[in-house]
Amino acid sequence: MKLDDLQDLTDLFEYKELSKKSKASQKDVDDLVKSIKKGRWAKTKQQLY
């Protein structure tokens, strides 16, 4: 097993531990991701044009 694989496994366990206490729904997460992507695109577009 590679060191990267062990880090991925550790990250997964940490994610599981942190997310089990979350009260966010999948819709909440989807909305947050959508707003972040929209803001990122607006900033990138402004830099390009």
N, C-alpha and C. Protein backbone atom coordinates (compact mmCIF):
# COMPACT_ATOMS: atom_id res chain seq x y z
N MET A 1 0.85 -1.18 0.00
CA MET A 1 0.00 0.00 0.00
C MET A 1 0.90 1.24 0.00
N LYS A 2 0.56 2.18 -0.85
CA LYS A 2 1.33 3.42 -0.96
C LYS A 2 0.93 4.41 0.14
N LEU A 3 1.82 5.32 0.39
CA LEU A 3 1.56 6.36 1.38
C LEU A 3 0.35 7.21 0.97
N ASP A 4 0.22 7.49 -0.32
CA ASP A 4 -0.94 8.26 -0.81
C ASP A 4 -2.25 7.54 -0.52
N ASP A 5 -2.24 6.23 -0.65
CA ASP A 5 -3.44 5.45 -0.36
C ASP A 5 -3.81 5.55 1.12
N LEU A 6 -2.81 5.50 1.97
CA LEU A 6 -3.07 5.64 3.41
C LEU A 6 -3.61 7.03 3.74
N GLN A 7 -3.09 8.05 3.08
CA GLN A 7 -3.59 9.42 3.30
C GLN A 7 -5.03 9.53 2.83
N ASP A 8 -5.34 8.93 1.69
CA ASP A 8 -6.72 8.94 1.20
C ASP A 8 -7.66 8.26 2.19
N LEU A 9 -7.22 7.16 2.75
CA LEU A 9 -8.03 6.44 3.72
C LEU A 9 -8.23 7.27 4.99
N THR A 10 -7.18 7.92 5.44
CA THR A 10 -7.26 8.80 6.61
C THR A 10 -8.22 9.96 6.34
N ASP A 11 -8.12 10.54 5.15
CA ASP A 11 -9.02 11.64 4.77
C ASP A 11 -10.48 11.18 4.75
N LEU A 12 -10.70 9.98 4.25
CA LEU A 12 -12.06 9.44 4.21
C LEU A 12 -12.62 9.27 5.62
N PHE A 13 -11.83 8.72 6.52
CA PHE A 13 -12.29 8.54 7.90
C PHE A 13 -12.56 9.89 8.57
N GLU A 14 -11.72 10.86 8.31
CA GLU A 14 -11.92 12.20 8.87
C GLU A 14 -13.20 12.82 8.33
N TYR A 15 -13.42 12.69 7.03
CA TYR A 15 -14.64 13.20 6.41
C TYR A 15 -15.88 12.54 7.02
N LYS A 16 -15.84 11.23 7.15
CA LYS A 16 -16.98 10.50 7.72
C LYS A 16 -17.27 10.97 9.15
N GLU A 17 -16.24 11.16 9.93
CA GLU A 17 -16.40 11.59 11.32
C GLU A 17 -16.99 13.00 11.38
N LEU A 18 -16.51 13.89 10.56
CA LEU A 18 -17.00 15.27 10.57
C LEU A 18 -18.42 15.38 9.99
N SER A 19 -18.68 14.64 8.94
CA SER A 19 -19.97 14.79 8.26
C SER A 19 -21.12 14.09 9.00
N LYS A 20 -20.82 13.15 9.88
CA LYS A 20 -21.91 12.47 10.59
C LYS A 20 -22.62 13.43 11.56
N LYS A 21 -21.96 14.50 11.95
CA LYS A 21 -22.55 15.48 12.85
C LYS A 21 -23.27 16.60 12.10
N SER A 22 -23.16 16.61 10.79
CA SER A 22 -23.73 17.67 9.97
C SER A 22 -25.25 17.55 9.89
N LYS A 23 -25.89 18.69 9.90
CA LYS A 23 -27.34 18.72 9.75
C LYS A 23 -27.72 19.20 8.34
N ALA A 24 -26.72 19.42 7.49
CA ALA A 24 -26.96 19.89 6.13
C ALA A 24 -27.57 18.78 5.28
N SER A 25 -28.54 19.15 4.49
CA SER A 25 -29.13 18.19 3.56
C SER A 25 -28.33 18.20 2.26
N GLN A 26 -28.59 17.23 1.41
CA GLN A 26 -27.91 17.19 0.13
C GLN A 26 -28.25 18.43 -0.69
N LYS A 27 -29.49 18.91 -0.58
CA LYS A 27 -29.89 20.12 -1.29
C LYS A 27 -29.08 21.32 -0.80
N ASP A 28 -28.85 21.42 0.50
CA ASP A 28 -28.03 22.50 1.05
C ASP A 28 -26.63 22.47 0.45
N VAL A 29 -26.06 21.29 0.37
CA VAL A 29 -24.73 21.13 -0.19
C VAL A 29 -24.72 21.50 -1.67
N ASP A 30 -25.72 21.01 -2.40
CA ASP A 30 -25.81 21.31 -3.82
C ASP A 30 -25.94 22.81 -4.07
N ASP A 31 -26.76 23.48 -3.27
CA ASP A 31 -26.95 24.93 -3.41
C ASP A 31 -25.65 25.68 -3.11
N LEU A 32 -24.93 25.25 -2.09
CA LEU A 32 -23.67 25.88 -1.75
C LEU A 32 -22.65 25.73 -2.87
N VAL A 33 -22.54 24.53 -3.40
CA VAL A 33 -21.60 24.28 -4.50
C VAL A 33 -21.98 25.13 -5.72
N LYS A 34 -23.26 25.21 -6.01
CA LYS A 34 -23.73 25.99 -7.15
C LYS A 34 -23.35 27.47 -6.98
N SER A 35 -23.55 28.00 -5.79
CA SER A 35 -23.23 29.42 -5.57
C SER A 35 -21.72 29.67 -5.63
N ILE A 36 -20.94 28.72 -5.14
CA ILE A 36 -19.48 28.86 -5.20
C ILE A 36 -19.01 28.84 -6.65
N LYS A 37 -19.53 27.91 -7.43
CA LYS A 37 -19.14 27.81 -8.83
C LYS A 37 -19.56 29.07 -9.59
N LYS A 38 -20.74 29.58 -9.30
CA LYS A 38 -21.23 30.77 -9.98
C LYS A 38 -20.32 31.96 -9.67
N GLY A 39 -19.94 32.12 -8.42
CA GLY A 39 -19.05 33.20 -8.02
C GLY A 39 -17.68 33.06 -8.63
N ARG A 40 -17.20 31.84 -8.71
CA ARG A 40 -15.89 31.59 -9.30
C ARG A 40 -15.90 31.92 -10.79
N TRP A 41 -16.97 31.52 -11.49
CA TRP A 41 -17.06 31.80 -12.92
C TRP A 41 -17.14 33.31 -13.16
N ALA A 42 -17.90 34.02 -12.36
CA ALA A 42 -18.01 35.47 -12.53
C ALA A 42 -16.64 36.12 -12.35
N LYS A 43 -15.88 35.69 -11.37
CA LYS A 43 -14.55 36.25 -11.12
C LYS A 43 -13.60 35.91 -12.27
N THR A 44 -13.63 34.67 -12.74
CA THR A 44 -12.78 34.25 -13.83
C THR A 44 -13.12 35.00 -15.12
N LYS A 45 -14.41 35.13 -15.38
CA LYS A 45 -14.88 35.83 -16.57
C LYS A 45 -14.41 37.28 -16.56
N GLN A 46 -14.47 37.90 -15.39
CA GLN A 46 -14.04 39.29 -15.25
C GLN A 46 -12.54 39.42 -15.54
N GLN A 47 -11.77 38.45 -15.09
CA GLN A 47 -10.33 38.48 -15.34
C GLN A 47 -9.98 38.26 -16.80
N LEU A 48 -10.79 37.46 -17.49
CA LEU A 48 -10.52 37.15 -18.88
C LEU A 48 -10.93 38.28 -19.82
N TYR A 49 -11.98 38.99 -19.49
CA TYR A 49 -12.50 40.02 -20.42
C TYR A 49 -12.25 41.39 -19.94
